[in-house]
Amino acid sequence: MPKLETPSVKEQVLHPREANSSSGALPITRNVAVDAYRGFVMVLMMAEVLCLAAVAKSFPGNWIWQVLAYNQSHVEWAGCSLHDLIQPSFSFLVGVALPYSIASRLRKGMSFRRMLPHTLWRSFLLIALGIFLRSIHSSQTYFTFEDTLTQIGLGYTFLFLLGFRSPRWQWGAFAAVLFGYWLLWALYPVGVPPNWSHNFSGFAAHWNKNANLGTAFDQWFLNLFPRQSPFVTNGGGYLTLSFIPTLGTMILGLIAGRWLREFAPAIPFRRLILAGVSGILLGLVLHFAGICPIVKRIWTPSWTLFSGGACFLLLAAFSWVIEAKGYRRWAFPLVVVGTNSIAAYLIAHLCEDFITSSYRIHFGDAPFRVFGPALQPLLLGAAVLATYWLMLFWMYRRKIFLRI
C-alpha cells in the first residue's frame, strides 16, 4: 500500500501548521482542517448504521429523535437535511484537494503529460469501483452511474484540466456548466409523473421526478448496457447526468483549495464566508422564485449553489476551529477517517453485514437491549461504527492509506 510521504498527520494535528518556506514556495503539507472535514463527512455516511429513523419510530412525538432521524435521511425531493450534504461535501473536498495534489506532483518533477494519463486512470477506477459496489447483490454487473464515486469519476478529468487554468477560466466554467445545464432542462418538454405527491407546478415542473431530461437520457443510455430488465426509471429519481452539475460542486472546491494554498498559512475566512453565504442565498432565491428548485436527488443548479455554499461555510468552520484557534486534539478521530476516505467508503459498503452478524453470533442481542428494545438498533449500530473506526485506526497506525 502507498504511504504518505508528507509529515505524519498526527504531528500536524498536535502542532501548528507549517509556515511558508524562506524561498516563498507554498509548503506541501496536509491540511488538517480539510482532513477533519472529510472525516466528519465520512463519519456521517458510516453512521447510517445507527438506524436513527428506526429508533425514532419507537418514540413518536419526541422531537429530538425526529430531528435526528430527519437529518440521517435524504429528503423526499425538494429541500435539504444534514444527510443530503454528505455527497456534495465529498465532491467539494475532491476539488479542494486537487491544488495540493497538483502542487505536490509538480514539485516531484512530474509534467502535465505524465499527470494526465494518471488522471484518466483515476477517473476510470472511480467509475469502475462505483459500478462494482452497486453490483454486489446483483446476479450480473449492474451498470449505474448515479452513485458518489461514479459521479466524481465522470467529472474528475475535466476538473483536473481546470486545475491548470486561471481563476477566470474556473469561474467561467462553473457558470457555463450551471447555466447550460439549467437551460437544457428548461427547454425540455414538461411531463408530470403519476402518483408522485411532490410535483412542482408551473415552470419548476421541468424538475419533477422521473419526468425530466435526465430520465429521458437514462432511458436511452442505461439500456445500452446488459440488464436483467429494461431500465424505465430510478426509484429515487437519481440520474447519470447529475455528474455535470456535480462537476460544478467540484469546481467550487477547486476554487476553495486554490484560496487555501494562496493565502497559507493564513485562512481566507472572508472569501470562504462570502462565497458560502452567496451560494446559499442565490440557491434559495432561484428555488422560491420558481426558476430552479433545490433538489439534491437530481442535483439541480440551485442545489449546486445551495450545497456548495454550505460546503464553503463548513470548510470555514473547520478551518477556524483547527487552524485559527489551534484546537486540534479533538479532531484526531476525524482525521483518522478523513485521511483514508476511500477505505472508509469501502468498509461502510462491504463490511456492515459481516460485522453486524458477528456481533449477534458471538454476543447475542442481550448486550444491545440493556436500555430496552427500542434502542437496540442504536447500540448495535454504535458497536459497528466503533469497529469501523478501529479498523481505520489500525490502518492509520501502520500508515496504510488506500488511494486511487
Protein backbone atom coordinates (compact mmCIF):
# COMPACT_ATOMS: atom_id res chain seq x y z
CA MET A 1 0.00 0.00 0.00
CA PRO A 2 1.25 3.54 -0.71
CA LYS A 3 2.38 5.56 2.26
CA LEU A 4 2.07 9.27 2.77
CA GLU A 5 5.34 10.99 2.14
CA THR A 6 4.39 14.18 3.94
CA PRO A 7 4.96 14.67 7.69
CA SER A 8 2.63 12.47 9.71
CA VAL A 9 -0.90 13.72 10.07
CA LYS A 10 -0.82 13.17 13.82
CA GLU A 11 2.10 15.57 14.12
CA GLN A 12 0.15 18.14 12.16
CA VAL A 13 -2.87 17.67 14.40
CA LEU A 14 -0.82 18.30 17.52
CA HIS A 15 1.42 21.08 16.22
CA PRO A 16 0.85 24.36 14.39
CA ARG A 17 0.71 24.43 10.65
CA GLU A 18 3.97 24.98 8.81
CA ALA A 19 4.67 28.49 7.61
CA ASN A 20 5.84 29.31 4.11
CA SER A 21 9.42 28.43 3.35
CA SER A 22 12.02 31.16 3.10
CA SER A 23 12.07 30.76 -0.66
CA GLY A 24 8.43 31.77 -0.79
CA ALA A 25 7.21 28.39 -2.03
CA LEU A 26 3.99 27.13 -0.56
CA PRO A 27 4.53 24.11 1.71
CA ILE A 28 3.11 20.80 0.53
CA THR A 29 1.61 19.61 3.81
CA ARG A 30 -1.73 18.00 4.51
CA ASN A 31 -4.36 20.49 5.54
CA VAL A 32 -5.65 19.13 8.85
CA ALA A 33 -8.90 21.11 8.68
CA VAL A 34 -9.65 19.56 5.28
CA ASP A 35 -8.87 16.07 6.60
CA ALA A 36 -11.11 16.67 9.63
CA TYR A 37 -13.96 17.96 7.44
CA ARG A 38 -13.60 14.93 5.16
CA GLY A 39 -13.56 12.67 8.22
CA PHE A 40 -16.72 14.33 9.52
CA VAL A 41 -18.45 13.68 6.21
CA MET A 42 -17.37 10.04 6.13
CA VAL A 43 -18.49 9.51 9.73
CA LEU A 44 -21.92 10.88 8.80
CA MET A 45 -22.05 8.35 5.98
CA MET A 46 -20.85 5.44 8.12
CA ALA A 47 -23.23 6.46 10.92
CA GLU A 48 -26.18 5.21 8.88
CA VAL A 49 -25.70 2.02 10.90
CA LEU A 50 -27.12 3.87 13.94
CA CYS A 51 -30.58 3.50 12.36
CA LEU A 52 -31.90 6.71 13.89
CA ALA A 53 -35.04 6.63 11.73
CA ALA A 54 -35.95 3.18 13.10
CA VAL A 55 -35.31 4.34 16.66
CA ALA A 56 -37.43 7.46 16.14
CA LYS A 57 -40.43 5.31 15.23
CA SER A 58 -40.30 3.86 18.76
CA PHE A 59 -40.58 7.36 20.23
CA PRO A 60 -43.44 9.06 18.38
CA GLY A 61 -43.84 12.69 19.32
CA ASN A 62 -40.30 13.02 20.65
CA TRP A 63 -38.92 15.96 18.69
CA ILE A 64 -35.28 15.17 19.48
CA TRP A 65 -35.45 11.74 17.86
CA GLN A 66 -37.48 13.16 14.98
CA VAL A 67 -34.84 15.80 14.28
CA LEU A 68 -32.04 13.21 14.46
CA ALA A 69 -33.94 10.87 12.14
CA TYR A 70 -34.69 13.65 9.65
CA ASN A 71 -31.03 14.60 9.44
CA GLN A 72 -29.95 10.99 8.87
CA SER A 73 -32.30 10.61 5.91
CA HIS A 74 -32.50 12.13 2.45
CA VAL A 75 -35.43 14.47 1.91
CA GLU A 76 -38.10 13.13 -0.42
CA TRP A 77 -37.45 15.71 -3.12
CA ALA A 78 -37.02 19.45 -2.52
CA GLY A 79 -35.09 20.70 0.50
CA CYS A 80 -32.05 19.62 2.45
CA SER A 81 -31.08 17.62 5.52
CA LEU A 82 -27.63 17.14 7.04
CA HIS A 83 -27.51 13.73 5.34
CA ASP A 84 -28.03 15.40 1.97
CA LEU A 85 -24.78 17.33 2.45
CA ILE A 86 -22.61 14.20 2.53
CA GLN A 87 -22.26 13.71 -1.22
CA PRO A 88 -21.75 17.40 -2.10
CA SER A 89 -19.18 17.72 0.69
CA PHE A 90 -17.29 14.68 -0.56
CA SER A 91 -17.36 16.07 -4.12
CA PHE A 92 -16.39 19.56 -2.93
CA LEU A 93 -13.42 18.16 -1.00
CA VAL A 94 -12.17 16.35 -4.10
CA GLY A 95 -11.84 19.80 -5.63
CA VAL A 96 -10.22 21.25 -2.51
CA ALA A 97 -7.55 18.53 -2.53
CA LEU A 98 -6.66 18.90 -6.20
CA PRO A 99 -4.46 22.04 -5.95
CA TYR A 100 -2.44 20.32 -3.20
CA SER A 101 -2.11 17.17 -5.32
CA ILE A 102 -1.04 19.06 -8.43
CA ALA A 103 1.49 21.13 -6.48
CA SER A 104 2.94 18.01 -4.87
CA ARG A 105 3.35 16.24 -8.20
CA LEU A 106 4.87 19.29 -9.86
CA ARG A 107 7.37 19.57 -7.02
CA LYS A 108 8.36 15.96 -7.61
CA GLY A 109 9.15 16.83 -11.22
CA MET A 110 6.05 15.36 -12.86
CA SER A 111 4.89 17.11 -16.02
CA PHE A 112 1.33 17.67 -17.20
CA ARG A 113 1.81 14.95 -19.81
CA ARG A 114 2.68 12.44 -17.11
CA MET A 115 -0.14 13.51 -14.84
CA LEU A 116 -2.90 13.37 -17.46
CA PRO A 117 -2.77 9.56 -18.05
CA HIS A 118 -2.82 9.02 -14.29
CA THR A 119 -5.86 11.27 -14.05
CA LEU A 120 -7.66 9.35 -16.79
CA TRP A 121 -6.85 6.09 -14.99
CA ARG A 122 -8.13 7.52 -11.70
CA SER A 123 -11.37 8.58 -13.37
CA PHE A 124 -11.83 5.09 -14.82
CA LEU A 125 -11.14 3.42 -11.46
CA LEU A 126 -13.64 5.64 -9.64
CA ILE A 127 -16.33 4.81 -12.21
CA ALA A 128 -15.50 1.09 -12.13
CA LEU A 129 -15.43 0.98 -8.32
CA GLY A 130 -18.82 2.68 -8.13
CA ILE A 131 -20.30 0.13 -10.56
CA PHE A 132 -18.68 -2.73 -8.65
CA LEU A 133 -20.13 -1.64 -5.31
CA ARG A 134 -23.59 -1.23 -6.84
CA SER A 135 -23.38 -4.73 -8.32
CA ILE A 136 -22.60 -6.62 -5.11
CA HIS A 137 -26.10 -8.02 -4.65
CA SER A 138 -26.89 -8.40 -8.36
CA SER A 139 -26.71 -11.51 -10.50
CA GLN A 140 -24.76 -9.60 -13.14
CA THR A 141 -22.89 -6.31 -13.48
CA TYR A 142 -25.33 -3.54 -12.64
CA PHE A 143 -24.38 -0.61 -14.82
CA THR A 144 -25.39 2.52 -12.98
CA PHE A 145 -23.71 5.89 -12.87
CA GLU A 146 -25.51 7.94 -10.23
CA ASP A 147 -23.57 6.96 -7.10
CA THR A 148 -20.97 9.21 -5.45
CA LEU A 149 -17.78 7.60 -6.77
CA THR A 150 -19.04 7.25 -10.34
CA GLN A 151 -20.31 10.82 -10.45
CA ILE A 152 -16.92 12.09 -9.28
CA GLY A 153 -15.11 9.84 -11.75
CA LEU A 154 -17.15 11.13 -14.69
CA GLY A 155 -16.17 14.71 -13.96
CA TYR A 156 -12.70 14.31 -12.47
CA THR A 157 -10.64 14.62 -15.66
CA PHE A 158 -12.44 17.87 -16.54
CA LEU A 159 -11.71 19.14 -13.04
CA PHE A 160 -8.04 18.23 -13.43
CA LEU A 161 -7.80 20.20 -16.67
CA LEU A 162 -9.35 23.22 -14.98
CA GLY A 163 -6.77 22.91 -12.21
CA PHE A 164 -4.19 24.22 -14.68
CA ARG A 165 -6.30 27.17 -15.78
CA SER A 166 -6.68 30.66 -14.32
CA PRO A 167 -9.37 31.63 -11.81
CA ARG A 168 -11.26 33.37 -14.62
CA TRP A 169 -11.40 30.09 -16.52
CA GLN A 170 -12.56 28.22 -13.44
CA TRP A 171 -15.34 30.67 -12.62
CA GLY A 172 -16.32 30.81 -16.29
CA ALA A 173 -16.52 27.02 -16.50
CA PHE A 174 -18.61 26.93 -13.34
CA ALA A 175 -21.09 29.47 -14.73
CA ALA A 176 -21.23 27.73 -18.11
CA VAL A 177 -21.86 24.32 -16.53
CA LEU A 178 -24.72 25.54 -14.35
CA PHE A 179 -26.40 27.83 -16.88
CA GLY A 180 -26.03 25.39 -19.76
CA TYR A 181 -27.42 22.53 -17.69
CA TRP A 182 -30.31 24.67 -16.44
CA LEU A 183 -31.13 25.80 -19.98
CA LEU A 184 -31.24 22.24 -21.33
CA TRP A 185 -33.71 21.24 -18.64
CA ALA A 186 -35.76 24.40 -19.07
CA LEU A 187 -36.14 23.72 -22.80
CA TYR A 188 -37.12 20.07 -22.34
CA PRO A 189 -40.90 19.46 -22.57
CA VAL A 190 -42.65 19.29 -19.20
CA GLY A 191 -44.03 15.95 -18.10
CA VAL A 192 -45.92 15.06 -14.91
CA PRO A 193 -45.26 11.62 -13.41
CA PRO A 194 -48.27 9.82 -11.93
CA ASN A 195 -48.63 9.03 -8.23
CA TRP A 196 -45.97 11.46 -7.01
CA SER A 197 -47.03 13.87 -4.26
CA HIS A 198 -44.05 16.19 -4.60
CA ASN A 199 -44.73 17.53 -8.07
CA PHE A 200 -43.82 21.13 -8.86
CA SER A 201 -46.17 23.29 -10.87
CA GLY A 202 -45.51 26.00 -13.41
CA PHE A 203 -42.00 26.47 -14.75
CA ALA A 204 -40.48 24.43 -11.90
CA ALA A 205 -42.30 21.35 -13.27
CA HIS A 206 -39.30 20.83 -15.55
CA TRP A 207 -37.61 19.34 -12.46
CA ASN A 208 -40.27 16.81 -11.45
CA LYS A 209 -39.24 13.28 -10.56
CA ASN A 210 -38.76 10.84 -13.45
CA ALA A 211 -40.36 13.25 -15.94
CA ASN A 212 -37.35 15.28 -16.99
CA LEU A 213 -34.41 15.47 -19.37
CA GLY A 214 -32.18 13.31 -17.15
CA THR A 215 -34.69 10.46 -17.03
CA ALA A 216 -35.12 10.56 -20.80
CA PHE A 217 -31.35 10.35 -21.22
CA ASP A 218 -31.07 7.36 -18.87
CA GLN A 219 -33.91 5.55 -20.62
CA TRP A 220 -31.70 5.63 -23.71
CA PHE A 221 -28.19 5.44 -22.20
CA LEU A 222 -28.62 2.80 -19.49
CA ASN A 223 -30.41 0.45 -21.86
CA LEU A 224 -27.27 0.34 -23.99
CA PHE A 225 -25.75 -1.91 -21.30
CA PRO A 226 -26.70 -5.52 -20.47
CA ARG A 227 -29.52 -5.50 -17.89
CA GLN A 228 -31.76 -8.03 -16.20
CA SER A 229 -34.73 -5.93 -17.30
CA PRO A 230 -35.01 -2.72 -19.35
CA PHE A 231 -34.40 0.47 -17.42
CA VAL A 232 -37.51 2.61 -17.05
CA THR A 233 -36.93 4.92 -14.08
CA ASN A 234 -34.76 5.16 -10.98
CA GLY A 235 -36.80 4.64 -7.82
CA GLY A 236 -35.14 7.57 -6.08
CA GLY A 237 -35.09 9.77 -9.15
CA TYR A 238 -31.27 9.75 -9.37
CA LEU A 239 -29.65 10.42 -12.73
CA THR A 240 -26.46 9.81 -14.70
CA LEU A 241 -26.39 13.38 -16.00
CA SER A 242 -26.10 14.71 -12.46
CA PHE A 243 -22.34 14.38 -12.90
CA ILE A 244 -22.45 17.66 -14.87
CA PRO A 245 -23.69 19.90 -12.03
CA THR A 246 -21.66 17.74 -9.62
CA LEU A 247 -18.64 18.94 -11.60
CA GLY A 248 -19.83 22.44 -10.64
CA THR A 249 -19.61 21.43 -6.98
CA MET A 250 -16.08 20.11 -7.51
CA ILE A 251 -15.10 23.35 -9.27
CA LEU A 252 -16.21 25.29 -6.20
CA GLY A 253 -13.96 23.02 -4.15
CA LEU A 254 -11.11 23.62 -6.60
CA ILE A 255 -11.51 27.37 -6.10
CA ALA A 256 -11.59 26.94 -2.32
CA GLY A 257 -8.45 24.79 -2.39
CA ARG A 258 -6.65 27.38 -4.51
CA TRP A 259 -7.59 30.08 -1.99
CA LEU A 260 -6.30 27.98 0.90
CA ARG A 261 -2.95 27.47 -0.80
CA GLU A 262 -2.60 31.06 -1.96
CA PHE A 263 -3.21 32.52 1.49
CA ALA A 264 -1.41 29.82 3.55
CA PRO A 265 -0.67 29.86 6.42
CA ALA A 266 -3.50 32.42 6.81
CA ILE A 267 -7.07 31.31 6.16
CA PRO A 268 -9.17 33.39 3.70
CA PHE A 269 -12.18 33.46 6.01
CA ARG A 270 -13.77 36.46 4.34
CA ARG A 271 -13.74 34.81 0.93
CA LEU A 272 -14.95 31.47 2.24
CA ILE A 273 -17.82 33.02 4.20
CA LEU A 274 -18.80 35.38 1.39
CA ALA A 275 -18.84 32.50 -1.10
CA GLY A 276 -20.82 30.37 1.34
CA VAL A 277 -23.49 32.94 2.12
CA SER A 278 -23.78 33.99 -1.53
CA GLY A 279 -24.25 30.41 -2.71
CA ILE A 280 -26.94 29.66 -0.14
CA LEU A 281 -28.84 32.89 -0.80
CA LEU A 282 -28.68 32.55 -4.58
CA GLY A 283 -29.85 28.96 -4.41
CA LEU A 284 -32.79 29.95 -2.19
CA VAL A 285 -33.75 32.83 -4.50
CA LEU A 286 -33.81 30.52 -7.53
CA HIS A 287 -35.85 27.98 -5.56
CA PHE A 288 -38.53 30.29 -4.19
CA ALA A 289 -38.77 32.26 -7.43
CA GLY A 290 -39.66 29.00 -9.19
CA ILE A 291 -36.71 29.36 -11.57
CA CYS A 292 -34.94 26.22 -10.40
CA PRO A 293 -35.89 24.19 -7.29
CA ILE A 294 -33.37 22.89 -4.78
CA VAL A 295 -33.38 19.11 -5.35
CA LYS A 296 -30.37 17.04 -4.32
CA ARG A 297 -31.52 13.79 -5.96
CA ILE A 298 -31.23 15.30 -9.46
CA TRP A 299 -28.52 17.85 -8.48
CA THR A 300 -30.26 20.91 -9.83
CA PRO A 301 -28.09 24.00 -10.45
CA SER A 302 -29.74 25.68 -7.48
CA TRP A 303 -28.74 22.67 -5.37
CA THR A 304 -25.16 23.09 -6.59
CA LEU A 305 -25.23 26.69 -5.39
CA PHE A 306 -27.01 25.99 -2.10
CA SER A 307 -24.99 22.91 -1.11
CA GLY A 308 -21.77 24.49 -2.39
CA GLY A 309 -22.42 27.48 -0.14
CA ALA A 310 -22.92 25.14 2.81
CA CYS A 311 -19.62 23.41 1.97
CA PHE A 312 -17.76 26.73 1.95
CA LEU A 313 -19.17 27.54 5.40
CA LEU A 314 -18.33 24.10 6.79
CA LEU A 315 -14.78 24.42 5.46
CA ALA A 316 -14.52 27.86 7.07
CA ALA A 317 -15.82 26.48 10.38
CA PHE A 318 -13.34 23.59 10.48
CA SER A 319 -10.52 25.92 9.45
CA TRP A 320 -11.44 28.45 12.15
CA VAL A 321 -11.52 25.87 14.95
CA ILE A 322 -8.49 23.84 13.88
CA GLU A 323 -6.23 26.34 12.12
CA ALA A 324 -7.11 29.75 13.56
CA LYS A 325 -7.88 28.69 17.14
CA GLY A 326 -5.46 25.76 17.22
CA TYR A 327 -7.94 23.29 18.72
CA ARG A 328 -6.52 20.15 17.11
CA ARG A 329 -6.59 17.23 19.53
CA TRP A 330 -10.36 16.79 19.35
CA ALA A 331 -10.12 16.38 15.57
CA PHE A 332 -7.81 13.36 15.67
CA PRO A 333 -10.63 10.74 15.45
CA LEU A 334 -11.97 12.56 12.38
CA VAL A 335 -8.51 12.84 10.82
CA VAL A 336 -8.06 9.08 11.14
CA VAL A 337 -11.13 8.66 8.94
CA GLY A 338 -10.51 11.63 6.68
CA THR A 339 -7.02 10.57 5.64
CA ASN A 340 -8.36 7.20 4.48
CA SER A 341 -11.66 8.16 2.92
CA ILE A 342 -11.62 5.51 0.17
CA ALA A 343 -11.00 2.80 2.77
CA ALA A 344 -13.81 4.22 4.91
CA TYR A 345 -16.15 4.20 1.92
CA LEU A 346 -15.31 0.58 1.13
CA ILE A 347 -15.60 -0.55 4.75
CA ALA A 348 -19.04 1.01 5.08
CA HIS A 349 -20.27 -0.67 1.89
CA LEU A 350 -18.62 -4.07 2.26
CA CYS A 351 -18.33 -4.86 5.98
CA GLU A 352 -21.61 -3.91 7.63
CA ASP A 353 -23.39 -7.24 7.26
CA PHE A 354 -20.32 -9.23 8.35
CA ILE A 355 -19.67 -7.10 11.45
CA THR A 356 -23.35 -7.00 12.45
CA SER A 357 -23.79 -10.73 12.11
CA SER A 358 -20.54 -11.37 14.00
CA TYR A 359 -21.73 -9.33 16.98
CA ARG A 360 -25.03 -11.21 17.04
CA ILE A 361 -23.37 -14.62 16.67
CA HIS A 362 -20.85 -14.08 19.46
CA PHE A 363 -22.77 -11.81 21.86
CA GLY A 364 -26.43 -12.28 21.01
CA ASP A 365 -28.97 -9.47 21.33
CA ALA A 366 -28.86 -9.13 25.13
CA PRO A 367 -25.99 -6.60 25.37
CA PHE A 368 -27.76 -4.31 22.92
CA ARG A 369 -31.09 -4.50 24.75
CA VAL A 370 -29.69 -3.16 28.01
CA PHE A 371 -31.70 0.08 27.55
CA GLY A 372 -34.72 -1.65 26.07
CA PRO A 373 -35.60 -3.00 22.62
CA ALA A 374 -36.30 0.47 21.24
CA LEU A 375 -32.63 1.45 21.50
CA GLN A 376 -31.25 -1.90 20.37
CA PRO A 377 -30.62 -0.73 16.75
CA LEU A 378 -28.75 2.32 18.06
CA LEU A 379 -26.46 0.35 20.38
CA LEU A 380 -25.74 -2.30 17.80
CA GLY A 381 -25.06 0.39 15.23
CA ALA A 382 -22.73 2.19 17.65
CA ALA A 383 -20.74 -1.03 18.08
CA VAL A 384 -20.49 -1.44 14.31
CA LEU A 385 -19.47 2.21 13.86
CA ALA A 386 -16.78 1.83 16.55
CA THR A 387 -15.49 -1.24 14.74
CA TYR A 388 -15.27 0.74 11.51
CA TRP A 389 -13.17 3.37 13.28
CA LEU A 390 -10.88 0.81 14.92
CA MET A 391 -10.21 -0.75 11.52
CA LEU A 392 -9.28 2.66 10.12
CA PHE A 393 -7.18 3.45 13.20
CA TRP A 394 -5.27 0.19 12.72
CA MET A 395 -4.57 1.21 9.11
CA TYR A 396 -3.61 4.73 10.21
CA ARG A 397 -1.10 3.49 12.79
CA ARG A 398 0.53 1.31 10.14
CA LYS A 399 0.43 4.09 7.55
CA ILE A 400 -1.79 2.10 5.21
CA PHE A 401 -3.70 4.60 3.09
CA LEU A 402 -5.84 3.48 0.16
CA ARG A 403 -5.54 5.91 -2.70
CA ILE A 404 -6.68 5.82 -6.30
